[in-house]
Amino acid sequence: MTALLIILAVVLLAYLGLKGNVNKLKKMPRPFKMEELMTDPKGKENFVTNSDGTKIRTIVAGDGPTIIFAHGYGAGLVEWNIIGNRLVEQGYRIIAFDQRG
């Protein structure tokens, strides 16, 4: 019985702590609008066709030293729109691509 009460107390404290953090996050200003976050990086869209017929979409923009963006599982090249556009403005060339899957 004592162990159950301790477990319930720990769960309650964890819940209250998480709830407080969520409330703090909700009150924080949002530096980017959702529409801005959901647009592809600016640049020329190209398609690379692999030997098996798979087409991979790429976006290339800017001139200067090249930075290649590769996203992780479950993401897409849209993940790089904010930083990619800023790097192009600073004189870099970016290449972002959608990985297979």
C-alpha atoms as a PDB file:
ATOM      1  CA  MET A   1       0.000   0.000   0.000  1.00  0.00           C
ATOM      2  CA  THR A   2       2.822   2.399   0.876  1.00  0.00           C
ATOM      3  CA  ALA A   3       4.571   1.654  -2.422  1.00  0.00           C
ATOM      4  CA  LEU A   4       1.359   2.434  -4.320  1.00  0.00           C
ATOM      5  CA  LEU A   5       1.006   5.781  -2.537  1.00  0.00           C
ATOM      6  CA  ILE A   6       4.621   6.649  -3.342  1.00  0.00           C
ATOM      7  CA  ILE A   7       4.102   5.760  -7.001  1.00  0.00           C
ATOM      8  CA  LEU A   8       0.923   7.854  -7.164  1.00  0.00           C
ATOM      9  CA  ALA A   9       2.691  10.807  -5.533  1.00  0.00           C
ATOM     10  CA  VAL A  10       5.576  10.590  -8.027  1.00  0.00           C
ATOM     11  CA  VAL A  11       3.153  10.400 -10.962  1.00  0.00           C
ATOM     12  CA  LEU A  12       1.191  13.384  -9.653  1.00  0.00           C
ATOM     13  CA  LEU A  13       4.344  15.466  -9.165  1.00  0.00           C
ATOM     14  CA  ALA A  14       5.588  14.554 -12.645  1.00  0.00           C
ATOM     15  CA  TYR A  15       2.214  15.488 -14.163  1.00  0.00           C
ATOM     16  CA  LEU A  16       2.142  18.855 -12.394  1.00  0.00           C
ATOM     17  CA  GLY A  17       5.717  19.580 -13.449  1.00  0.00           C
ATOM     18  CA  LEU A  18       4.972  18.744 -17.092  1.00  0.00           C
ATOM     19  CA  LYS A  19       1.763  20.760 -17.027  1.00  0.00           C
ATOM     20  CA  GLY A  20       3.685  23.786 -15.749  1.00  0.00           C
ATOM     21  CA  ASN A  21       6.279  23.442 -18.511  1.00  0.00           C
ATOM     22  CA  VAL A  22       3.588  23.143 -21.179  1.00  0.00           C
ATOM     23  CA  ASN A  23       1.917  26.298 -19.890  1.00  0.00           C
ATOM     24  CA  LYS A  24       5.254  28.159 -20.025  1.00  0.00           C
ATOM     25  CA  LEU A  25       5.787  27.020 -23.619  1.00  0.00           C
ATOM     26  CA  LYS A  26       2.294  28.152 -24.630  1.00  0.00           C
ATOM     27  CA  LYS A  27       3.012  31.652 -23.299  1.00  0.00           C
ATOM     28  CA  MET A  28       6.282  32.031 -25.219  1.00  0.00           C
ATOM     29  CA  PRO A  29       6.235  34.231 -28.326  1.00  0.00           C
ATOM     30  CA  ARG A  30       6.323  32.403 -31.646  1.00  0.00           C
ATOM     31  CA  PRO A  31       9.123  33.745 -33.851  1.00  0.00           C
ATOM     32  CA  PHE A  32       7.757  32.149 -37.041  1.00  0.00           C
ATOM     33  CA  LYS A  33       4.249  31.790 -38.424  1.00  0.00           C
ATOM     34  CA  MET A  34       3.068  28.276 -39.267  1.00  0.00           C
ATOM     35  CA  GLU A  35       2.747  29.183 -42.963  1.00  0.00           C
ATOM     36  CA  GLU A  36       6.406  30.224 -42.987  1.00  0.00           C
ATOM     37  CA  LEU A  37       7.470  26.960 -41.373  1.00  0.00           C
ATOM     38  CA  MET A  38       5.524  24.864 -43.894  1.00  0.00           C
ATOM     39  CA  THR A  39       6.985  26.347 -47.109  1.00  0.00           C
ATOM     40  CA  ASP A  40       9.918  24.845 -48.985  1.00  0.00           C
ATOM     41  CA  PRO A  41      13.247  26.632 -48.988  1.00  0.00           C
ATOM     42  CA  LYS A  42      13.550  29.176 -51.804  1.00  0.00           C
ATOM     43  CA  GLY A  43      15.497  27.976 -54.819  1.00  0.00           C
ATOM     44  CA  LYS A  44      15.463  25.966 -58.021  1.00  0.00           C
ATOM     45  CA  GLU A  45      13.688  22.621 -57.796  1.00  0.00           C
ATOM     46  CA  ASN A  46      15.405  19.686 -59.521  1.00  0.00           C
ATOM     47  CA  PHE A  47      14.763  15.960 -59.663  1.00  0.00           C
ATOM     48  CA  VAL A  48      17.493  13.335 -59.580  1.00  0.00           C
ATOM     49  CA  THR A  49      16.515   9.952 -61.072  1.00  0.00           C
ATOM     50  CA  ASN A  50      18.288   6.903 -59.650  1.00  0.00           C
ATOM     51  CA  SER A  51      19.047   3.740 -61.596  1.00  0.00           C
ATOM     52  CA  ASP A  52      15.991   2.025 -60.075  1.00  0.00           C
ATOM     53  CA  GLY A  53      13.700   4.811 -61.341  1.00  0.00           C
ATOM     54  CA  THR A  54      13.291   6.535 -57.983  1.00  0.00           C
ATOM     55  CA  LYS A  55      13.118  10.314 -58.261  1.00  0.00           C
ATOM     56  CA  ILE A  56      14.538  12.453 -55.468  1.00  0.00           C
ATOM     57  CA  ARG A  57      13.528  16.102 -55.264  1.00  0.00           C
ATOM     58  CA  THR A  58      16.208  18.687 -54.542  1.00  0.00           C
ATOM     59  CA  ILE A  59      16.249  22.437 -54.064  1.00  0.00           C
ATOM     60  CA  VAL A  60      19.377  24.423 -54.885  1.00  0.00           C
ATOM     61  CA  ALA A  61      19.810  28.105 -54.061  1.00  0.00           C
ATOM     62  CA  GLY A  62      22.544  30.700 -53.708  1.00  0.00           C
ATOM     63  CA  ASP A  63      26.199  31.026 -54.635  1.00  0.00           C
ATOM     64  CA  GLY A  64      29.296  30.537 -52.543  1.00  0.00           C
ATOM     65  CA  PRO A  65      30.437  27.741 -50.230  1.00  0.00           C
ATOM     66  CA  THR A  66      27.999  24.826 -50.458  1.00  0.00           C
ATOM     67  CA  ILE A  67      26.061  23.399 -47.541  1.00  0.00           C
ATOM     68  CA  ILE A  68      24.088  20.186 -48.068  1.00  0.00           C
ATOM     69  CA  PHE A  69      21.050  19.552 -45.886  1.00  0.00           C
ATOM     70  CA  ALA A  70      19.989  15.955 -45.215  1.00  0.00           C
ATOM     71  CA  HIS A  71      16.919  15.465 -43.039  1.00  0.00           C
ATOM     72  CA  GLY A  72      16.213  12.577 -40.704  1.00  0.00           C
ATOM     73  CA  TYR A  73      13.532   9.915 -40.682  1.00  0.00           C
ATOM     74  CA  GLY A  74       9.988  11.214 -40.921  1.00  0.00           C
ATOM     75  CA  ALA A  75      11.019  14.696 -42.045  1.00  0.00           C
ATOM     76  CA  GLY A  76      11.451  16.436 -45.383  1.00  0.00           C
ATOM     77  CA  LEU A  77      13.442  19.207 -46.985  1.00  0.00           C
ATOM     78  CA  VAL A  78      10.918  21.720 -45.634  1.00  0.00           C
ATOM     79  CA  GLU A  79      12.753  21.310 -42.307  1.00  0.00           C
ATOM     80  CA  TRP A  80      15.558  23.480 -43.689  1.00  0.00           C
ATOM     81  CA  ASN A  81      13.514  26.438 -44.978  1.00  0.00           C
ATOM     82  CA  ILE A  82      14.316  29.004 -42.283  1.00  0.00           C
ATOM     83  CA  ILE A  83      18.029  28.272 -41.882  1.00  0.00           C
ATOM     84  CA  GLY A  84      18.510  27.595 -45.602  1.00  0.00           C
ATOM     85  CA  ASN A  85      17.022  30.911 -46.675  1.00  0.00           C
ATOM     86  CA  ARG A  86      19.126  32.764 -44.097  1.00  0.00           C
ATOM     87  CA  LEU A  87      22.323  31.072 -45.223  1.00  0.00           C
ATOM     88  CA  VAL A  88      21.601  31.998 -48.852  1.00  0.00           C
ATOM     89  CA  GLU A  89      21.190  35.618 -47.735  1.00  0.00           C
ATOM     90  CA  GLN A  90      24.636  35.385 -46.097  1.00  0.00           C
ATOM     91  CA  GLY A  91      26.319  34.208 -49.314  1.00  0.00           C
ATOM     92  CA  TYR A  92      26.147  30.416 -49.104  1.00  0.00           C
ATOM     93  CA  ARG A  93      24.874  27.899 -51.636  1.00  0.00           C
ATOM     94  CA  ILE A  94      22.459  25.342 -50.209  1.00  0.00           C
ATOM     95  CA  ILE A  95      21.319  21.987 -51.497  1.00  0.00           C
ATOM     96  CA  ALA A  96      18.381  20.364 -49.716  1.00  0.00           C
ATOM     97  CA  PHE A  97      16.877  17.058 -50.770  1.00  0.00           C
ATOM     98  CA  ASP A  98      14.036  14.737 -49.890  1.00  0.00           C
ATOM     99  CA  GLN A  99      15.358  11.337 -48.983  1.00  0.00           C
ATOM    100  CA  ARG A 100      13.632   8.177 -50.121  1.00  0.00           C
ATOM    101  CA  GLY A 101      10.628   7.102 -48.124  1.00  0.00           C
END
